[in-house]
Amino acid sequence: MLKMALDTGAATAGYWWFVLPPGIAIVIVVLSFTLAGRALEAVVNPTLRGR
C-alpha cells in the first residue's frame, strides 16, 4: 500500500491518508514486537532479574 502510494505520488499531491495510516500501522507492529521481545527476555534471562 505504501509502495503504491509513493509510486502514484500521493504524498506529494496532498493525499496524506494514503501514506500515514499504513506507516503508523508498521510502526505500531514493529514497536509491539520489540516490546514483547524485551519483556520475554526479562522473564527468561536470569541475569536481568536482579536489576
PDB file of N, CA and C in Angstrom:
ATOM      1  N   MET A   1       0.826  -1.181   0.000  1.00  0.00           N
ATOM      2  CA  MET A   1       0.000   0.000   0.000  1.00  0.00           C
ATOM      3  C   MET A   1       0.878   1.255   0.000  1.00  0.00           C
ATOM      4  N   LEU A   2       1.923   1.217   0.798  1.00  0.00           N
ATOM      5  CA  LEU A   2       2.844   2.358   0.806  1.00  0.00           C
ATOM      6  C   LEU A   2       3.557   2.508  -0.531  1.00  0.00           C
ATOM      7  N   LYS A   3       3.958   1.393  -1.117  1.00  0.00           N
ATOM      8  CA  LYS A   3       4.641   1.451  -2.414  1.00  0.00           C
ATOM      9  C   LYS A   3       3.729   2.048  -3.474  1.00  0.00           C
ATOM     10  N   MET A   4       2.464   1.632  -3.480  1.00  0.00           N
ATOM     11  CA  MET A   4       1.529   2.175  -4.460  1.00  0.00           C
ATOM     12  C   MET A   4       1.321   3.672  -4.237  1.00  0.00           C
ATOM     13  N   ALA A   5       1.216   4.083  -2.988  1.00  0.00           N
ATOM     14  CA  ALA A   5       1.016   5.498  -2.688  1.00  0.00           C
ATOM     15  C   ALA A   5       2.227   6.326  -3.098  1.00  0.00           C
ATOM     16  N   LEU A   6       3.412   5.795  -2.868  1.00  0.00           N
ATOM     17  CA  LEU A   6       4.615   6.526  -3.246  1.00  0.00           C
ATOM     18  C   LEU A   6       4.831   6.522  -4.755  1.00  0.00           C
ATOM     19  N   ASP A   7       4.449   5.420  -5.428  1.00  0.00           N
ATOM     20  CA  ASP A   7       4.592   5.368  -6.889  1.00  0.00           C
ATOM     21  C   ASP A   7       3.651   6.343  -7.587  1.00  0.00           C
ATOM     22  N   THR A   8       2.458   6.531  -7.053  1.00  0.00           N
ATOM     23  CA  THR A   8       1.499   7.423  -7.680  1.00  0.00           C
ATOM     24  C   THR A   8       1.667   8.869  -7.250  1.00  0.00           C
ATOM     25  N   GLY A   9       2.542   9.119  -6.303  1.00  0.00           N
ATOM     26  CA  GLY A   9       2.793  10.490  -5.863  1.00  0.00           C
ATOM     27  C   GLY A   9       1.746  11.013  -4.895  1.00  0.00           C
ATOM     28  N   ALA A  10       1.149  10.135  -4.133  1.00  0.00           N
ATOM     29  CA  ALA A  10       0.098  10.550  -3.205  1.00  0.00           C
ATOM     30  C   ALA A  10       0.644  11.459  -2.111  1.00  0.00           C
ATOM     31  N   ALA A  11       1.848  11.229  -1.676  1.00  0.00           N
ATOM     32  CA  ALA A  11       2.415  12.034  -0.587  1.00  0.00           C
ATOM     33  C   ALA A  11       2.661  13.474  -1.041  1.00  0.00           C
ATOM     34  N   THR A  12       3.124  13.640  -2.254  1.00  0.00           N
ATOM     35  CA  THR A  12       3.408  14.989  -2.736  1.00  0.00           C
ATOM     36  C   THR A  12       2.171  15.702  -3.262  1.00  0.00           C
ATOM     37  N   ALA A  13       1.113  14.953  -3.581  1.00  0.00           N
ATOM     38  CA  ALA A  13      -0.114  15.553  -4.100  1.00  0.00           C
ATOM     39  C   ALA A  13      -1.058  15.985  -2.974  1.00  0.00           C
ATOM     40  N   GLY A  14      -0.699  15.692  -1.742  1.00  0.00           N
ATOM     41  CA  GLY A  14      -1.527  16.107  -0.618  1.00  0.00           C
ATOM     42  C   GLY A  14      -2.461  15.035  -0.102  1.00  0.00           C
ATOM     43  N   TYR A  15      -2.378  13.832  -0.626  1.00  0.00           N
ATOM     44  CA  TYR A  15      -3.220  12.734  -0.145  1.00  0.00           C
ATOM     45  C   TYR A  15      -2.500  11.990   0.976  1.00  0.00           C
ATOM     46  N   TRP A  16      -2.366  12.621   2.122  1.00  0.00           N
ATOM     47  CA  TRP A  16      -1.588  12.076   3.239  1.00  0.00           C
ATOM     48  C   TRP A  16      -2.230  10.825   3.819  1.00  0.00           C
ATOM     49  N   TRP A  17      -3.547  10.649   3.651  1.00  0.00           N
ATOM     50  CA  TRP A  17      -4.220   9.496   4.254  1.00  0.00           C
ATOM     51  C   TRP A  17      -3.869   8.190   3.554  1.00  0.00           C
ATOM     52  N   PHE A  18      -3.234   8.250   2.382  1.00  0.00           N
ATOM     53  CA  PHE A  18      -2.746   7.037   1.737  1.00  0.00           C
ATOM     54  C   PHE A  18      -1.396   6.604   2.295  1.00  0.00           C
ATOM     55  N   VAL A  19      -0.694   7.516   2.962  1.00  0.00           N
ATOM     56  CA  VAL A  19       0.654   7.232   3.451  1.00  0.00           C
ATOM     57  C   VAL A  19       0.680   7.087   4.966  1.00  0.00           C
ATOM     58  N   LEU A  20      -0.007   7.947   5.666  1.00  0.00           N
ATOM     59  CA  LEU A  20       0.099   7.997   7.123  1.00  0.00           C
ATOM     60  C   LEU A  20      -0.457   6.761   7.845  1.00  0.00           C
ATOM     61  N   PRO A  21      -1.675   6.299   7.607  1.00  0.00           N
ATOM     62  CA  PRO A  21      -2.181   5.129   8.343  1.00  0.00           C
ATOM     63  C   PRO A  21      -1.361   3.846   8.150  1.00  0.00           C
ATOM     64  N   PRO A  22      -0.941   3.489   6.914  1.00  0.00           N
ATOM     65  CA  PRO A  22      -0.095   2.300   6.796  1.00  0.00           C
ATOM     66  C   PRO A  22       1.265   2.480   7.470  1.00  0.00           C
ATOM     67  N   GLY A  23       1.810   3.679   7.417  1.00  0.00           N
ATOM     68  CA  GLY A  23       3.090   3.936   8.082  1.00  0.00           C
ATOM     69  C   GLY A  23       2.978   3.807   9.587  1.00  0.00           C
ATOM     70  N   ILE A  24       1.900   4.338  10.144  1.00  0.00           N
ATOM     71  CA  ILE A  24       1.676   4.224  11.591  1.00  0.00           C
ATOM     72  C   ILE A  24       1.447   2.771  11.984  1.00  0.00           C
ATOM     73  N   ALA A  25       0.732   2.019  11.144  1.00  0.00           N
ATOM     74  CA  ALA A  25       0.496   0.605  11.433  1.00  0.00           C
ATOM     75  C   ALA A  25       1.810  -0.176  11.469  1.00  0.00           C
ATOM     76  N   ILE A  26       2.706   0.108  10.553  1.00  0.00           N
ATOM     77  CA  ILE A  26       4.004  -0.566  10.538  1.00  0.00           C
ATOM     78  C   ILE A  26       4.794  -0.218  11.791  1.00  0.00           C
ATOM     79  N   VAL A  27       4.778   1.039  12.184  1.00  0.00           N
ATOM     80  CA  VAL A  27       5.490   1.460  13.394  1.00  0.00           C
ATOM     81  C   VAL A  27       4.924   0.766  14.634  1.00  0.00           C
ATOM     82  N   ILE A  28       3.612   0.661  14.728  1.00  0.00           N
ATOM     83  CA  ILE A  28       2.983   0.013  15.887  1.00  0.00           C
ATOM     84  C   ILE A  28       3.328  -1.469  15.948  1.00  0.00           C
ATOM     85  N   VAL A  29       3.317  -2.152  14.805  1.00  0.00           N
ATOM     86  CA  VAL A  29       3.653  -3.581  14.776  1.00  0.00           C
ATOM     87  C   VAL A  29       5.102  -3.803  15.189  1.00  0.00           C
ATOM     88  N   VAL A  30       6.009  -3.014  14.644  1.00  0.00           N
ATOM     89  CA  VAL A  30       7.431  -3.169  14.990  1.00  0.00           C
ATOM     90  C   VAL A  30       7.664  -2.859  16.464  1.00  0.00           C
ATOM     91  N   LEU A  31       7.038  -1.806  16.972  1.00  0.00           N
ATOM     92  CA  LEU A  31       7.191  -1.457  18.381  1.00  0.00           C
ATOM     93  C   LEU A  31       6.621  -2.534  19.288  1.00  0.00           C
ATOM     94  N   SER A  32       5.491  -3.119  18.921  1.00  0.00           N
ATOM     95  CA  SER A  32       4.906  -4.164  19.771  1.00  0.00           C
ATOM     96  C   SER A  32       5.784  -5.405  19.810  1.00  0.00           C
ATOM     97  N   PHE A  33       6.344  -5.802  18.659  1.00  0.00           N
ATOM     98  CA  PHE A  33       7.251  -6.948  18.664  1.00  0.00           C
ATOM     99  C   PHE A  33       8.516  -6.654  19.472  1.00  0.00           C
ATOM    100  N   THR A  34       9.019  -5.449  19.378  1.00  0.00           N
ATOM    101  CA  THR A  34      10.210  -5.081  20.146  1.00  0.00           C
ATOM    102  C   THR A  34       9.934  -5.120  21.645  1.00  0.00           C
ATOM    103  N   LEU A  35       8.828  -4.536  22.064  1.00  0.00           N
ATOM    104  CA  LEU A  35       8.497  -4.523  23.481  1.00  0.00           C
ATOM    105  C   LEU A  35       8.177  -5.915  24.005  1.00  0.00           C
ATOM    106  N   ALA A  36       7.506  -6.734  23.199  1.00  0.00           N
ATOM    107  CA  ALA A  36       7.217  -8.114  23.612  1.00  0.00           C
ATOM    108  C   ALA A  36       8.513  -8.913  23.734  1.00  0.00           C
ATOM    109  N   GLY A  37       9.437  -8.706  22.817  1.00  0.00           N
ATOM    110  CA  GLY A  37      10.731  -9.391  22.891  1.00  0.00           C
ATOM    111  C   GLY A  37      11.537  -8.988  24.108  1.00  0.00           C
ATOM    112  N   ARG A  38      11.514  -7.704  24.440  1.00  0.00           N
ATOM    113  CA  ARG A  38      12.241  -7.246  25.626  1.00  0.00           C
ATOM    114  C   ARG A  38      11.606  -7.779  26.899  1.00  0.00           C
ATOM    115  N   ALA A  39      10.270  -7.845  26.938  1.00  0.00           N
ATOM    116  CA  ALA A  39       9.588  -8.394  28.114  1.00  0.00           C
ATOM    117  C   ALA A  39       9.875  -9.879  28.259  1.00  0.00           C
ATOM    118  N   LEU A  40       9.868 -10.602  27.167  1.00  0.00           N
ATOM    119  CA  LEU A  40      10.184 -12.029  27.212  1.00  0.00           C
ATOM    120  C   LEU A  40      11.626 -12.252  27.639  1.00  0.00           C
ATOM    121  N   GLU A  41      12.515 -11.409  27.167  1.00  0.00           N
ATOM    122  CA  GLU A  41      13.920 -11.527  27.572  1.00  0.00           C
ATOM    123  C   GLU A  41      14.081 -11.262  29.064  1.00  0.00           C
ATOM    124  N   ALA A  42      13.351 -10.305  29.599  1.00  0.00           N
ATOM    125  CA  ALA A  42      13.438 -10.001  31.019  1.00  0.00           C
ATOM    126  C   ALA A  42      12.905 -11.154  31.866  1.00  0.00           C
ATOM    127  N   VAL A  43      11.938 -11.892  31.366  1.00  0.00           N
ATOM    128  CA  VAL A  43      11.388 -13.029  32.114  1.00  0.00           C
ATOM    129  C   VAL A  43      12.303 -14.240  32.021  1.00  0.00           C
ATOM    130  N   VAL A  44      12.863 -14.492  30.833  1.00  0.00           N
ATOM    131  CA  VAL A  44      13.629 -15.707  30.604  1.00  0.00           C
ATOM    132  C   VAL A  44      15.081 -15.577  31.050  1.00  0.00           C
ATOM    133  N   ASN A  45      15.680 -14.430  30.881  1.00  0.00           N
ATOM    134  CA  ASN A  45      17.101 -14.234  31.186  1.00  0.00           C
ATOM    135  C   ASN A  45      17.287 -13.990  32.681  1.00  0.00           C
ATOM    136  N   PRO A  46      17.931 -14.892  33.388  1.00  0.00           N
ATOM    137  CA  PRO A  46      18.062 -14.739  34.843  1.00  0.00           C
ATOM    138  C   PRO A  46      18.995 -13.604  35.254  1.00  0.00           C
ATOM    139  N   THR A  47      19.908 -13.190  34.385  1.00  0.00           N
ATOM    140  CA  THR A  47      20.829 -12.120  34.774  1.00  0.00           C
ATOM    141  C   THR A  47      20.131 -10.764  34.810  1.00  0.00           C
ATOM    142  N   LEU A  48      19.014 -10.632  34.124  1.00  0.00           N
ATOM    143  CA  LEU A  48      18.283  -9.375  34.122  1.00  0.00           C
ATOM    144  C   LEU A  48      17.307  -9.253  35.288  1.00  0.00           C
ATOM    145  N   ARG A  49      17.031 -10.356  35.961  1.00  0.00           N
ATOM    146  CA  ARG A  49      16.055 -10.333  37.065  1.00  0.00           C
ATOM    147  C   ARG A  49      16.536  -9.537  38.253  1.00  0.00           C
ATOM    148  N   GLY A  50      17.832  -9.483  38.473  1.00  0.00           N
ATOM    149  CA  GLY A  50      18.379  -8.780  39.629  1.00  0.00           C
ATOM    150  C   GLY A  50      18.376  -7.275  39.486  1.00  0.00           C
ATOM    151  N   ARG A  51      18.169  -6.786  38.304  1.00  0.00           N
ATOM    152  CA  ARG A  51      18.223  -5.338  38.060  1.00  0.00           C
ATOM    153  C   ARG A  51      16.931  -4.672  38.368  1.00  0.00           C
TER     154      ARG A  51
END
